[in-house]
Amino acid sequence: MTYQETCDYLFSQLPMFEKQGVGGYKEGLENTLALDEHFGHPHEHFKTIHVAGTNGKGSCAHTLAAILQACGYKTGLYTSPHLVDFRERIRINGQMIPEKYVTDFVEQEKQFFEPLHPTFFELTTAMAFKFFSEQQVDIAVVEVGLGGRLDCTNIINPILSVITNISLDHTQLLGNSLEQIAMEKAGIIKRGVPVVIGEATEATRPVFEAVAQEQEAPVTFAEDHPEVTAAELIGTTMHYQTRHYGRLQGQLCGLYQAKNTNTILWAVRKLEEQGYMYRFTDNSQSEALGREVSMGFKDVSRLTGLQGRWQTVGEHPLTVCDTGHNVAGWEYLSRQMSQVECRRMHIVFGAVEDKDVDGMMALLPKNATYYFTKANNHRAISENVLKMLGQQLGLQGESYPSVTDAYESARNSAQKDDFVFIGGSSYVVADFLKSRI
């Protein structure tokens, strides 16, 4: 098979949550454990950091990987979903897994895994761990796919666990309350392994405290003692003042990144306490670590290939895309959009069916022209339904059958001092970025 044929096989033959929703999700670790045993338990051959949470886990995982790279580690990074190319999910020092490795893996292992009927994510996780082991990475940052307790990444025993935050998302699978969702995410807390909680609420903090106590895992609530003392967006760069790492410039410039940065810096401190951040520097030269942390924040996209986080993709008109896809994310996005100085806003918006679309759309700015659209995904909501919902909320715009059509109309309508935004779903951003290749 060619690489494209292999990707088509993976996307079409294996159950896939991104495309099918609940039908593509399999509860339990039986297949994961069978695959892990077949490949010789590859995850035991390198150290890991495990990152879970409702929002921000992708940004945190990529930035931690960038910092580890800057420190000199050969760093694996496993994240999801991908935006343009399947290989974005599996990287070492920012370089995507080779096409040949993907095709060889499927062709050589198909006879074993097909009778198991694994999901797309189960097989992809096995591929990632096998690749990291064979390439002898020093450490891998592993992002949870969904939830935590029963996620197939949860076979690892990390040196650090990170849970960014909890909000109501994937409720049909994880539970209808913050407490239930927190319990699922807390499933990544391992015995004796330090855990950093980025944000907690009155509902979720007791859950994390109880699980951490049961597992005898030292727990740090990052917001209790903020590392970030000030944050300001200047142009297209976030500027942070921090307690221990001086002034930092963040390439990721969404307003929500201030919370992520605080979580990341506490994760760095916990790694520092274990001696991991000084492998290639003199322990007495803390300023060296400061430079490496600074490099990780400043060059995260170059170092790891991260896209879609308040990403500026054009000027005159200013054009930005963002993968924020739930109410918690849009509480930040709507505030940031209100601060953009422009003549007129043009918003290309699409969503998928398992989200609180009414809640998201209630946060959308009223003073904008909308281009309601549908991503190329089975879970995407009809553009006509979105237009109808928008009209009920006083949002003015038209519907378009594809993201490309919607963006082209927005671009043609916008003047050089306007603002164009593309988002509402990772799949909308993915379709947009693919159209630019």
Protein backbone atom coordinates (compact mmCIF):
# COMPACT_ATOMS: atom_id res chain seq x y z
CA MET A 1 0.00 0.00 0.00
CA THR A 2 1.03 3.58 -0.55
CA TYR A 3 1.04 5.97 2.40
CA GLN A 4 -2.27 7.48 1.27
CA GLU A 5 -3.82 4.05 0.86
CA THR A 6 -2.62 3.15 4.35
CA CYS A 7 -4.22 6.30 5.80
CA ASP A 8 -7.45 5.55 3.94
CA TYR A 9 -7.39 2.06 5.44
CA LEU A 10 -6.84 3.40 8.96
CA PHE A 11 -9.57 6.01 8.63
CA SER A 12 -12.16 3.81 6.94
CA GLN A 13 -11.63 0.31 8.36
CA LEU A 14 -11.08 1.08 12.05
CA PRO A 15 -13.64 2.60 14.42
CA MET A 16 -12.66 6.25 14.88
CA PHE A 17 -14.16 8.61 17.47
CA GLU A 18 -13.25 11.71 15.46
CA LYS A 19 -15.44 10.52 12.60
CA GLN A 20 -18.09 8.38 14.27
CA GLY A 21 -18.46 9.86 17.75
CA VAL A 22 -19.62 7.36 20.39
CA GLY A 23 -19.59 4.54 17.82
CA GLY A 24 -15.85 4.95 17.40
CA TYR A 25 -15.10 4.79 21.14
CA LYS A 26 -14.39 1.48 22.86
CA GLU A 27 -14.37 1.34 26.65
CA GLY A 28 -11.74 -0.82 28.29
CA LEU A 29 -8.07 -1.63 27.83
CA GLU A 30 -8.23 -5.22 26.57
CA ASN A 31 -7.06 -4.44 23.03
CA THR A 32 -4.46 -2.00 24.27
CA LEU A 33 -2.97 -4.59 26.61
CA ALA A 34 -2.98 -7.23 23.86
CA LEU A 35 -1.19 -4.89 21.45
CA ASP A 36 1.25 -3.84 24.15
CA GLU A 37 2.15 -7.44 24.95
CA HIS A 38 2.51 -8.28 21.24
CA PHE A 39 5.04 -5.47 20.75
CA GLY A 40 7.02 -6.27 23.90
CA HIS A 41 5.70 -3.52 26.18
CA PRO A 42 7.47 -0.69 24.31
CA HIS A 43 6.19 2.03 26.66
CA GLU A 44 8.44 0.61 29.39
CA HIS A 45 11.56 1.53 27.40
CA PHE A 46 11.33 5.32 27.78
CA LYS A 47 10.13 7.83 30.33
CA THR A 48 6.79 9.58 29.88
CA ILE A 49 4.78 12.62 30.94
CA HIS A 50 1.00 12.13 30.81
CA VAL A 51 -1.26 15.10 30.01
CA ALA A 52 -5.05 15.07 30.40
CA GLY A 53 -7.78 17.70 30.69
CA THR A 54 -10.75 19.17 28.89
CA ASN A 55 -9.01 22.15 27.31
CA GLY A 56 -5.36 23.11 26.90
CA LYS A 57 -3.82 19.66 26.98
CA GLY A 58 -2.54 19.97 23.40
CA SER A 59 -0.88 23.33 24.04
CA CYS A 60 0.60 22.07 27.32
CA ALA A 61 1.87 18.83 25.76
CA HIS A 62 3.50 20.62 22.83
CA THR A 63 5.11 23.29 25.01
CA LEU A 64 6.47 20.76 27.49
CA ALA A 65 7.91 18.81 24.55
CA ALA A 66 9.48 22.00 23.17
CA ILE A 67 11.11 22.74 26.54
CA LEU A 68 12.44 19.19 26.83
CA GLN A 69 13.87 19.47 23.31
CA ALA A 70 15.53 22.75 24.26
CA CYS A 71 17.06 20.93 27.26
CA GLY A 72 18.66 18.43 24.90
CA TYR A 73 16.36 15.45 25.31
CA LYS A 74 15.36 13.27 22.39
CA THR A 75 11.65 13.92 22.88
CA GLY A 76 8.67 11.97 21.63
CA LEU A 77 5.28 13.66 21.36
CA TYR A 78 1.96 11.85 20.94
CA THR A 79 -1.13 14.02 20.46
CA SER A 80 -4.52 14.04 18.76
CA PRO A 81 -6.34 14.84 16.60
CA HIS A 82 -4.23 15.73 13.59
CA LEU A 83 -5.18 18.68 11.42
CA VAL A 84 -3.62 17.97 8.02
CA ASP A 85 -1.51 14.81 8.09
CA PHE A 86 -1.98 11.68 10.23
CA ARG A 87 1.74 11.78 11.05
CA GLU A 88 1.28 14.96 13.10
CA ARG A 89 0.14 12.69 15.93
CA ILE A 90 3.53 11.00 16.37
CA ARG A 91 6.69 13.14 16.42
CA ILE A 92 10.24 12.97 17.68
CA ASN A 93 11.95 16.34 18.21
CA GLY A 94 9.23 17.87 16.07
CA GLN A 95 9.76 15.54 13.11
CA MET A 96 6.76 13.49 12.07
CA ILE A 97 6.91 9.71 11.96
CA PRO A 98 8.07 8.64 8.45
CA GLU A 99 5.43 7.62 5.92
CA LYS A 100 7.27 4.33 5.34
CA TYR A 101 7.09 3.44 9.03
CA VAL A 102 3.31 3.91 8.99
CA THR A 103 2.82 1.77 5.88
CA ASP A 104 5.23 -0.94 7.05
CA PHE A 105 3.59 -1.09 10.48
CA VAL A 106 0.14 -1.67 9.01
CA GLU A 107 1.26 -4.15 6.37
CA GLN A 108 3.45 -6.18 8.73
CA GLU A 109 1.09 -6.21 11.71
CA LYS A 110 -2.30 -6.42 10.02
CA GLN A 111 -2.52 -10.19 10.42
CA PHE A 112 -2.19 -9.78 14.19
CA PHE A 113 -4.36 -6.76 14.88
CA GLU A 114 -7.28 -7.24 12.46
CA PRO A 115 -8.81 -10.12 14.50
CA LEU A 116 -8.72 -7.83 17.56
CA HIS A 117 -10.88 -5.20 15.79
CA PRO A 118 -9.01 -2.33 17.48
CA THR A 119 -10.16 1.24 17.27
CA PHE A 120 -8.15 3.76 15.28
CA PHE A 121 -6.81 5.30 18.48
CA GLU A 122 -5.85 1.97 20.03
CA LEU A 123 -3.78 1.04 16.99
CA THR A 124 -2.28 4.52 16.64
CA THR A 125 -1.19 4.48 20.29
CA ALA A 126 0.50 1.11 19.84
CA MET A 127 2.26 2.44 16.73
CA ALA A 128 3.47 5.53 18.61
CA PHE A 129 4.86 3.60 21.58
CA LYS A 130 6.60 1.07 19.30
CA PHE A 131 8.15 3.89 17.24
CA PHE A 132 9.34 5.80 20.31
CA SER A 133 10.90 2.64 21.74
CA GLU A 134 12.70 1.70 18.53
CA GLN A 135 14.00 5.25 18.11
CA GLN A 136 15.20 5.24 21.73
CA VAL A 137 13.62 8.51 22.80
CA ASP A 138 14.66 9.78 26.22
CA ILE A 139 11.20 10.93 27.17
CA ALA A 140 7.77 11.16 25.53
CA VAL A 141 4.98 13.59 26.26
CA VAL A 142 1.74 11.64 25.86
CA GLU A 143 -1.61 13.39 25.52
CA VAL A 144 -4.70 11.52 26.63
CA GLY A 145 -7.15 10.87 23.81
CA LEU A 146 -10.42 10.94 25.76
CA GLY A 147 -11.03 10.96 29.49
CA GLY A 148 -8.16 9.25 31.25
CA ARG A 149 -9.09 6.24 33.36
CA LEU A 150 -9.96 4.00 30.41
CA ASP A 151 -7.97 5.82 27.73
CA CYS A 152 -5.55 3.49 25.98
CA THR A 153 -2.61 5.77 26.79
CA ASN A 154 -3.21 4.98 30.47
CA ILE A 155 -1.00 1.91 30.47
CA ILE A 156 2.04 4.15 30.96
CA ASN A 157 3.63 4.81 34.36
CA PRO A 158 4.83 8.40 33.92
CA ILE A 159 7.32 10.50 35.84
CA LEU A 160 4.69 13.27 35.98
CA SER A 161 0.95 13.54 35.42
CA VAL A 162 -0.70 16.81 34.37
CA ILE A 163 -4.44 17.57 34.35
CA THR A 164 -5.11 20.98 32.84
CA ASN A 165 -8.75 21.64 33.77
CA ILE A 166 -12.25 20.16 33.76
CA SER A 167 -15.36 21.39 31.99
CA LEU A 168 -18.49 19.75 30.60
CA ASP A 169 -17.40 18.04 27.39
CA HIS A 170 -17.93 14.53 25.98
CA THR A 171 -20.64 14.15 28.61
CA GLN A 172 -22.20 11.19 26.79
CA LEU A 173 -19.03 9.21 27.55
CA LEU A 174 -17.44 10.76 30.62
CA GLY A 175 -20.43 11.78 32.75
CA ASN A 176 -22.92 14.61 33.14
CA SER A 177 -21.25 16.40 36.05
CA LEU A 178 -17.89 18.00 36.70
CA GLU A 179 -17.28 15.50 39.49
CA GLN A 180 -17.84 12.52 37.19
CA ILE A 181 -15.61 13.94 34.47
CA ALA A 182 -12.92 14.80 37.03
CA MET A 183 -12.99 11.21 38.28
CA GLU A 184 -12.37 9.93 34.75
CA LYS A 185 -9.49 12.39 34.20
CA ALA A 186 -8.06 11.59 37.64
CA GLY A 187 -7.66 8.03 36.43
CA ILE A 188 -4.21 8.99 35.10
CA ILE A 189 -2.94 9.69 38.62
CA LYS A 190 -0.49 6.87 39.43
CA ARG A 191 0.84 5.61 42.74
CA GLY A 192 3.61 7.86 44.01
CA VAL A 193 3.81 9.90 40.80
CA PRO A 194 3.58 13.71 41.20
CA VAL A 195 0.53 15.31 39.59
CA VAL A 196 -0.03 18.95 38.63
CA ILE A 197 -3.62 20.20 38.42
CA GLY A 198 -3.85 23.35 36.32
CA GLU A 199 -7.30 24.56 37.36
CA ALA A 200 -9.78 23.16 39.85
CA THR A 201 -13.23 24.10 41.08
CA GLU A 202 -15.16 23.46 44.28
CA ALA A 203 -16.61 20.42 42.51
CA THR A 204 -13.39 18.96 41.11
CA ARG A 205 -10.76 19.73 43.76
CA PRO A 206 -12.07 17.18 46.30
CA VAL A 207 -12.03 14.51 43.59
CA PHE A 208 -8.38 15.16 42.74
CA GLU A 209 -7.39 15.37 46.41
CA ALA A 210 -9.09 12.07 47.21
CA VAL A 211 -7.57 10.17 44.29
CA ALA A 212 -4.12 11.64 44.90
CA GLN A 213 -4.31 10.68 48.59
CA GLU A 214 -5.42 7.16 47.72
CA GLN A 215 -2.53 6.82 45.26
CA GLU A 216 -0.04 8.53 47.62
CA ALA A 217 0.71 10.89 44.74
CA PRO A 218 2.04 14.38 45.62
CA VAL A 219 -0.48 16.84 44.18
CA THR A 220 0.12 20.48 43.22
CA PHE A 221 -2.72 22.85 42.37
CA ALA A 222 -0.97 25.31 40.06
CA GLU A 223 -3.44 28.16 40.58
CA ASP A 224 -2.85 28.19 44.35
CA HIS A 225 0.66 29.62 43.92
CA PRO A 226 0.76 31.21 40.44
CA GLU A 227 4.06 31.08 38.60
CA VAL A 228 2.67 33.63 36.12
CA THR A 229 2.33 37.01 37.83
CA ALA A 230 1.36 39.04 34.75
CA ALA A 231 0.35 38.31 31.16
CA GLU A 232 -0.15 40.71 28.27
CA LEU A 233 -0.79 40.22 24.57
CA ILE A 234 1.39 42.59 22.54
CA GLY A 235 0.83 42.23 18.82
CA THR A 236 1.02 38.52 18.08
CA THR A 237 3.09 37.56 21.14
CA MET A 238 2.09 36.83 24.72
CA HIS A 239 4.42 38.39 27.29
CA TYR A 240 4.61 36.78 30.73
CA GLN A 241 6.24 37.82 33.96
CA THR A 242 7.01 34.79 36.09
CA ARG A 243 8.30 34.13 39.60
CA HIS A 244 11.15 31.79 38.76
CA TYR A 245 11.79 31.98 35.02
CA GLY A 246 11.93 35.72 34.36
CA ARG A 247 10.13 37.27 31.42
CA LEU A 248 8.87 34.86 28.79
CA GLN A 249 7.53 35.45 25.30
CA GLY A 250 4.88 32.99 24.20
CA GLN A 251 4.40 32.13 20.54
CA LEU A 252 0.92 30.84 21.38
CA CYS A 253 -1.04 34.03 21.83
CA GLY A 254 -4.57 33.05 22.79
CA LEU A 255 -5.68 34.71 26.02
CA TYR A 256 -6.38 31.24 27.41
CA GLN A 257 -2.64 30.47 27.18
CA ALA A 258 -1.97 32.36 30.42
CA LYS A 259 -3.67 29.53 32.36
CA ASN A 260 -1.82 26.92 30.30
CA THR A 261 1.49 28.67 30.92
CA ASN A 262 0.98 28.59 34.67
CA THR A 263 0.28 24.85 34.46
CA ILE A 264 3.32 24.24 32.25
CA LEU A 265 5.69 26.14 34.54
CA TRP A 266 4.53 24.14 37.54
CA ALA A 267 5.11 20.97 35.53
CA VAL A 268 8.63 22.20 34.79
CA ARG A 269 9.20 22.86 38.50
CA LYS A 270 8.09 19.32 39.36
CA LEU A 271 10.44 17.90 36.72
CA GLU A 272 13.17 20.16 38.08
CA GLU A 273 12.65 18.75 41.57
CA GLN A 274 13.19 15.25 40.18
CA GLY A 275 16.39 16.32 38.43
CA TYR A 276 15.14 15.88 34.87
CA MET A 277 15.63 19.46 33.70
CA TYR A 278 19.36 19.51 34.48
CA ARG A 279 20.53 16.58 32.45
CA PHE A 280 22.54 18.75 30.07
CA THR A 281 23.24 21.77 32.29
CA ASP A 282 25.20 22.47 35.46
CA ASN A 283 22.88 22.27 38.47
CA SER A 284 24.20 25.60 39.68
CA GLN A 285 23.24 27.39 36.49
CA SER A 286 19.52 27.88 36.89
CA GLU A 287 19.72 30.69 34.33
CA ALA A 288 20.48 28.03 31.72
CA LEU A 289 17.15 26.37 32.41
CA GLY A 290 15.51 29.76 32.18
CA ARG A 291 16.90 30.14 28.65
CA GLU A 292 15.66 26.69 27.68
CA VAL A 293 12.18 27.35 29.10
CA SER A 294 12.17 30.66 27.24
CA MET A 295 13.11 28.92 24.00
CA GLY A 296 10.35 26.35 24.44
CA PHE A 297 7.68 29.02 24.81
CA LYS A 298 9.04 31.31 22.11
CA ASP A 299 9.56 28.62 19.46
CA VAL A 300 6.96 25.98 20.31
CA SER A 301 5.42 25.86 16.84
CA ARG A 302 8.79 25.57 15.11
CA LEU A 303 10.03 22.96 17.56
CA THR A 304 6.90 20.78 17.60
CA GLY A 305 4.78 21.72 14.57
CA LEU A 306 1.80 22.87 16.64
CA GLN A 307 -0.93 24.65 14.67
CA GLY A 308 -4.39 26.06 15.25
CA ARG A 309 -3.99 27.93 18.54
CA TRP A 310 -4.99 31.54 17.76
CA GLN A 311 -2.79 31.08 14.72
CA THR A 312 -2.32 34.10 12.48
CA VAL A 313 -2.50 32.85 8.90
CA GLY A 314 -2.84 36.15 7.06
CA GLU A 315 -2.51 39.92 7.27
CA HIS A 316 -4.63 42.65 5.63
CA PRO A 317 -7.13 41.38 6.51
CA LEU A 318 -5.88 39.89 9.76
CA THR A 319 -6.87 36.21 9.55
CA VAL A 320 -6.78 33.86 12.54
CA CYS A 321 -7.82 30.24 13.10
CA ASP A 322 -8.34 28.48 16.42
CA THR A 323 -9.39 24.95 17.35
CA GLY A 324 -11.43 25.98 20.43
CA HIS A 325 -14.50 23.76 20.28
CA ASN A 326 -16.49 23.97 23.51
CA VAL A 327 -18.05 26.54 25.83
CA ALA A 328 -15.03 26.80 28.12
CA GLY A 329 -12.79 27.53 25.15
CA TRP A 330 -15.16 30.08 23.65
CA GLU A 331 -15.38 32.03 26.89
CA TYR A 332 -11.76 33.00 26.19
CA LEU A 333 -12.07 33.24 22.40
CA SER A 334 -15.05 35.59 22.48
CA ARG A 335 -13.22 37.87 24.91
CA GLN A 336 -10.12 37.91 22.72
CA MET A 337 -12.15 38.59 19.59
CA SER A 338 -13.79 41.56 21.30
CA GLN A 339 -10.32 43.08 21.76
CA VAL A 340 -9.37 42.89 18.09
CA GLU A 341 -9.30 46.33 16.48
CA CYS A 342 -10.94 46.08 13.08
CA ARG A 343 -13.55 47.63 10.84
CA ARG A 344 -15.67 44.50 10.55
CA MET A 345 -15.50 40.88 11.72
CA HIS A 346 -16.07 37.92 9.42
CA ILE A 347 -16.47 34.59 11.23
CA VAL A 348 -16.32 31.21 9.50
CA PHE A 349 -18.02 28.91 12.00
CA GLY A 350 -18.78 25.21 12.15
CA ALA A 351 -19.37 22.69 14.95
CA VAL A 352 -19.91 19.01 15.64
CA GLU A 353 -22.99 17.39 17.09
CA ASP A 354 -21.71 16.23 20.49
CA LYS A 355 -20.86 19.76 21.68
CA ASP A 356 -22.98 22.34 23.51
CA VAL A 357 -23.52 24.28 20.29
CA ASP A 358 -26.19 26.53 21.80
CA GLY A 359 -23.80 27.49 24.60
CA MET A 360 -20.95 28.15 22.16
CA MET A 361 -23.06 30.23 19.81
CA ALA A 362 -24.44 32.31 22.66
CA LEU A 363 -20.88 33.53 23.20
CA LEU A 364 -20.31 34.56 19.58
CA PRO A 365 -20.06 38.32 18.94
CA LYS A 366 -23.20 39.90 17.53
CA ASN A 367 -21.37 42.55 15.50
CA ALA A 368 -19.98 40.17 12.88
CA THR A 369 -20.88 38.65 9.53
CA TYR A 370 -21.16 34.87 9.72
CA TYR A 371 -20.26 32.17 7.25
CA PHE A 372 -21.86 29.05 8.70
CA THR A 373 -20.31 25.91 7.33
CA LYS A 374 -19.88 22.16 7.70
CA ALA A 375 -16.54 20.39 8.04
CA ASN A 376 -15.88 17.20 6.11
CA ASN A 377 -16.77 15.01 9.07
CA HIS A 378 -19.73 12.72 9.77
CA ARG A 379 -20.30 14.41 13.14
CA ALA A 380 -20.48 17.92 11.68
CA ILE A 381 -23.73 19.83 12.11
CA SER A 382 -25.44 21.01 8.94
CA GLU A 383 -24.53 24.53 7.93
CA ASN A 384 -28.23 25.27 7.49
CA VAL A 385 -28.99 24.21 11.06
CA LEU A 386 -26.21 26.47 12.31
CA LYS A 387 -27.59 29.37 10.30
CA MET A 388 -31.04 28.82 11.81
CA LEU A 389 -29.60 28.68 15.34
CA GLY A 390 -27.59 31.80 14.59
CA GLN A 391 -30.63 33.71 13.43
CA GLN A 392 -32.39 32.87 16.68
CA LEU A 393 -29.47 34.47 18.51
CA GLY A 394 -29.31 37.53 16.27
CA LEU A 395 -26.27 36.39 14.29
CA GLN A 396 -26.38 37.52 10.69
CA GLY A 397 -24.89 35.44 7.90
CA GLU A 398 -25.25 32.77 5.22
CA SER A 399 -24.55 29.06 5.01
CA TYR A 400 -21.91 27.36 2.88
CA PRO A 401 -21.51 23.64 2.07
CA SER A 402 -17.76 23.53 2.75
CA VAL A 403 -15.16 25.34 4.81
CA THR A 404 -13.34 26.31 1.62
CA ASP A 405 -16.49 27.93 0.19
CA ALA A 406 -17.15 29.75 3.45
CA TYR A 407 -13.61 31.05 3.76
CA GLU A 408 -13.43 32.17 0.13
CA SER A 409 -16.64 34.15 0.59
CA ALA A 410 -15.32 35.72 3.79
CA ARG A 411 -12.01 36.60 2.18
CA ASN A 412 -13.70 38.15 -0.85
CA SER A 413 -16.01 40.20 1.37
CA ALA A 414 -13.36 41.40 3.80
CA GLN A 415 -11.44 44.63 3.40
CA LYS A 416 -7.81 45.02 4.43
CA ASP A 417 -8.68 46.47 7.86
CA ASP A 418 -11.20 43.72 8.66
CA PHE A 419 -10.75 40.60 10.79
CA VAL A 420 -11.42 37.06 9.57
CA PHE A 421 -11.72 34.17 12.03
CA ILE A 422 -12.03 30.46 11.24
CA GLY A 423 -13.06 28.02 13.97
CA GLY A 424 -15.70 26.37 16.11
CA SER A 425 -14.23 22.91 15.65
CA SER A 426 -10.84 21.28 15.13
CA TYR A 427 -12.27 19.83 11.92
CA VAL A 428 -13.16 23.27 10.55
CA VAL A 429 -9.58 24.39 11.15
CA ALA A 430 -8.29 21.15 9.64
CA ASP A 431 -10.31 21.64 6.44
CA PHE A 432 -9.13 25.24 6.25
CA LEU A 433 -5.45 24.36 6.66
CA LYS A 434 -5.71 21.52 4.14
CA SER A 435 -7.15 23.92 1.58
CA ARG A 436 -4.04 26.08 1.86
CA ILE A 437 -1.59 23.32 0.92
